[in-house]
């Protein structure tokens, strides 16, 4: 392994880091760029539907809970956000007609949150917009290259060679 070093005159040489891990670094950088670009496209799609990523996540989790909805405190845990923030978001989304709330007996402190029909339509439209944006992004990629990148990412981050196991 070599790092840039100072010469006797104090200037740096052109020696850069060289090691066997350089391929791992290239793969990680490529994967991170692709992931970041995908997140930008997803967030733009959500903004078109006047949703923040956290609001969208809350709507997904509330919708995934089915017709009974989800306990507001559980939503905070699921989306990993403070309960006060979730409470504020639920209030905002309720005012927009995207969620409904129901206080549960006997003490009425527990609040269940579920999607309304309008909320379901917004989530579905946002999901389709994200898919379209990601599909457009994927068209620009070389499909075999994407599969290779995903295989490499799984190997790099999970330490599993899925090509050897015949999974991809």
Protein backbone atom coordinates (compact mmCIF):
# COMPACT_ATOMS: atom_id res chain seq x y z
CA UNK A 1 0.00 0.00 0.00
CA UNK A 2 1.36 3.43 -0.94
CA UNK A 3 0.21 6.85 0.17
CA UNK A 4 1.20 10.27 -1.13
CA UNK A 5 4.48 11.14 0.53
CA UNK A 6 6.41 14.34 1.01
CA UNK A 7 9.76 14.73 -0.66
CA UNK A 8 12.70 16.43 0.99
CA UNK A 9 11.58 19.75 -0.51
CA UNK A 10 8.19 19.33 1.18
CA UNK A 11 6.12 18.87 -1.98
CA UNK A 12 3.87 15.86 -2.42
CA UNK A 13 4.71 13.17 -4.93
CA UNK A 14 2.15 11.79 -7.34
CA UNK A 15 1.93 8.49 -5.49
CA UNK A 16 -1.67 7.68 -4.70
CA UNK A 17 -3.20 4.88 -2.70
CA UNK A 18 -2.73 1.58 -4.55
CA UNK A 19 -3.90 -1.69 -3.12
CA UNK A 20 -5.91 -4.79 -3.92
CA UNK A 21 -8.93 -3.07 -2.35
CA UNK A 22 -9.05 -0.51 -5.19
CA UNK A 23 -11.64 -2.63 -7.05
CA UNK A 24 -13.80 -2.75 -3.93
CA UNK A 25 -13.51 1.03 -3.65
CA UNK A 26 -14.46 1.49 -7.31
CA UNK A 27 -17.45 -0.81 -6.92
CA UNK A 28 -18.56 0.92 -3.72
CA UNK A 29 -18.22 4.34 -5.36
CA UNK A 30 -20.19 3.22 -8.44
CA UNK A 31 -22.88 1.63 -6.29
CA UNK A 32 -23.12 4.72 -4.06
CA UNK A 33 -23.41 7.03 -7.10
CA UNK A 34 -26.19 4.89 -8.54
CA UNK A 35 -27.97 4.69 -5.21
CA UNK A 36 -27.71 8.46 -4.71
CA UNK A 37 -29.03 9.16 -8.21
CA UNK A 38 -31.92 6.75 -7.60
CA UNK A 39 -32.77 8.51 -4.32
CA UNK A 40 -32.74 11.89 -6.08
CA UNK A 41 -35.16 10.57 -8.71
CA UNK A 42 -37.40 9.03 -6.03
CA UNK A 43 -37.49 12.25 -4.01
CA UNK A 44 -38.30 14.32 -7.12
CA UNK A 45 -41.18 11.96 -7.86
CA UNK A 46 -42.47 12.35 -4.32
CA UNK A 47 -42.21 16.15 -4.51
CA UNK A 48 -44.47 16.06 -7.58
CA UNK A 49 -47.11 14.60 -5.27
CA UNK A 50 -46.36 17.10 -2.49
CA UNK A 51 -44.88 14.42 -0.25
CA UNK A 52 -41.64 14.33 1.69
CA UNK A 53 -39.79 11.00 1.84
CA UNK A 54 -40.81 10.63 5.50
CA UNK A 55 -44.48 11.39 4.76
CA UNK A 56 -44.40 8.83 1.97
CA UNK A 57 -42.85 6.25 4.29
CA UNK A 58 -45.56 6.94 6.88
CA UNK A 59 -48.28 6.53 4.24
CA UNK A 60 -46.73 3.27 3.02
CA UNK A 61 -46.59 1.83 6.54
CA UNK A 62 -50.13 2.97 7.37
CA UNK A 63 -51.36 1.47 4.12
CA UNK A 64 -49.43 -1.76 4.64
CA UNK A 65 -51.27 -2.19 7.96
CA UNK A 66 -54.48 -2.71 6.02
CA UNK A 67 -57.97 -1.48 6.82
CA UNK A 68 -57.36 -1.43 10.59
CA UNK A 69 -54.46 0.99 10.21
CA UNK A 70 -51.43 1.17 12.45
CA UNK A 71 -50.96 2.47 15.99
CA UNK A 72 -49.32 5.89 15.76
CA UNK A 73 -46.58 4.92 18.24
CA UNK A 74 -45.77 1.87 16.13
CA UNK A 75 -45.54 4.10 13.06
CA UNK A 76 -42.87 6.17 14.80
CA UNK A 77 -40.85 3.02 15.38
CA UNK A 78 -41.40 1.70 11.85
CA UNK A 79 -40.29 4.90 10.13
CA UNK A 80 -37.65 5.63 12.79
CA UNK A 81 -38.86 9.12 13.58
CA UNK A 82 -39.65 10.85 16.88
CA UNK A 83 -43.23 10.38 18.04
CA UNK A 84 -43.76 14.16 18.12
CA UNK A 85 -42.74 14.41 14.44
CA UNK A 86 -45.02 11.51 13.52
CA UNK A 87 -47.89 13.13 15.41
CA UNK A 88 -47.37 16.36 13.47
CA UNK A 89 -47.20 14.50 10.15
CA UNK A 90 -50.35 12.55 10.95
CA UNK A 91 -52.12 15.83 11.73
CA UNK A 92 -50.90 17.38 8.43
CA UNK A 93 -51.79 14.31 6.36
CA UNK A 94 -55.19 14.10 8.07
CA UNK A 95 -55.86 17.75 7.17
CA UNK A 96 -55.03 16.87 3.54
CA UNK A 97 -57.48 13.97 3.67
CA UNK A 98 -54.78 11.33 3.12
CA UNK A 99 -55.08 9.53 6.46
CA UNK A 100 -57.81 8.93 8.99
CA UNK A 101 -57.31 8.59 12.70
CA UNK A 102 -59.28 6.68 15.28
CA UNK A 103 -58.80 6.90 19.04
CA UNK A 104 -59.07 3.50 20.64
CA UNK A 105 -60.99 2.74 23.84
CA UNK A 106 -60.75 2.59 26.79
CA UNK A 107 -58.30 5.45 27.52
CA UNK A 108 -58.40 7.01 24.01
CA UNK A 109 -54.68 7.78 24.15
CA UNK A 110 -53.86 5.15 21.53
CA UNK A 111 -54.42 6.49 18.00
CA UNK A 112 -54.74 4.22 14.97
CA UNK A 113 -53.77 5.72 11.61
CA UNK A 114 -55.03 4.38 8.28
CA UNK A 115 -55.08 5.51 4.69
CA UNK A 116 -58.14 7.12 3.19
CA UNK A 117 -59.11 6.38 -0.41
CA UNK A 118 -57.48 9.67 -1.40
CA UNK A 119 -54.34 8.68 0.50
CA UNK A 120 -54.26 5.34 -1.27
CA UNK A 121 -54.55 7.08 -4.65
CA UNK A 122 -51.71 9.50 -3.80
CA UNK A 123 -49.44 6.67 -2.59
CA UNK A 124 -50.22 4.64 -5.70
CA UNK A 125 -49.56 7.62 -7.99
CA UNK A 126 -46.29 8.39 -6.18
CA UNK A 127 -45.23 4.76 -6.46
CA UNK A 128 -45.94 4.73 -10.21
CA UNK A 129 -44.06 8.02 -10.65
CA UNK A 130 -41.06 6.56 -8.83
CA UNK A 131 -41.15 3.42 -10.95
CA UNK A 132 -41.30 5.48 -14.14
CA UNK A 133 -38.37 7.66 -13.03
CA UNK A 134 -36.28 4.66 -12.02
CA UNK A 135 -37.19 2.83 -15.22
CA UNK A 136 -36.01 5.83 -17.25
CA UNK A 137 -32.82 5.88 -15.22
CA UNK A 138 -32.31 2.13 -15.76
CA UNK A 139 -32.74 2.51 -19.54
CA UNK A 140 -29.54 4.54 -19.52
CA UNK A 141 -27.69 1.67 -17.83
CA UNK A 142 -26.35 -1.37 -19.58
CA UNK A 143 -28.53 -4.19 -18.20
CA UNK A 144 -25.71 -6.76 -17.86
CA UNK A 145 -23.69 -4.02 -16.15
CA UNK A 146 -26.48 -3.45 -13.62
CA UNK A 147 -26.63 -7.16 -12.79
CA UNK A 148 -22.86 -7.21 -12.36
CA UNK A 149 -23.02 -4.09 -10.18
CA UNK A 150 -25.73 -5.66 -7.98
CA UNK A 151 -23.75 -8.90 -7.65
CA UNK A 152 -20.68 -6.91 -6.69
CA UNK A 153 -22.61 -4.78 -4.20
CA UNK A 154 -24.03 -7.86 -2.47
CA UNK A 155 -20.56 -9.37 -2.32
CA UNK A 156 -19.00 -6.12 -1.10
CA UNK A 157 -21.58 -5.18 1.52
CA UNK A 158 -22.88 -8.58 2.62
CA UNK A 159 -19.78 -10.68 2.02
CA UNK A 160 -21.81 -13.17 -0.04
CA UNK A 161 -20.85 -14.21 -3.57
CA UNK A 162 -24.29 -14.84 -5.05
CA UNK A 163 -22.78 -15.73 -8.44
CA UNK A 164 -21.13 -18.80 -6.89
CA UNK A 165 -24.39 -19.73 -5.17
CA UNK A 166 -26.28 -19.49 -8.50
CA UNK A 167 -28.68 -16.79 -7.31
CA UNK A 168 -27.97 -14.11 -9.91
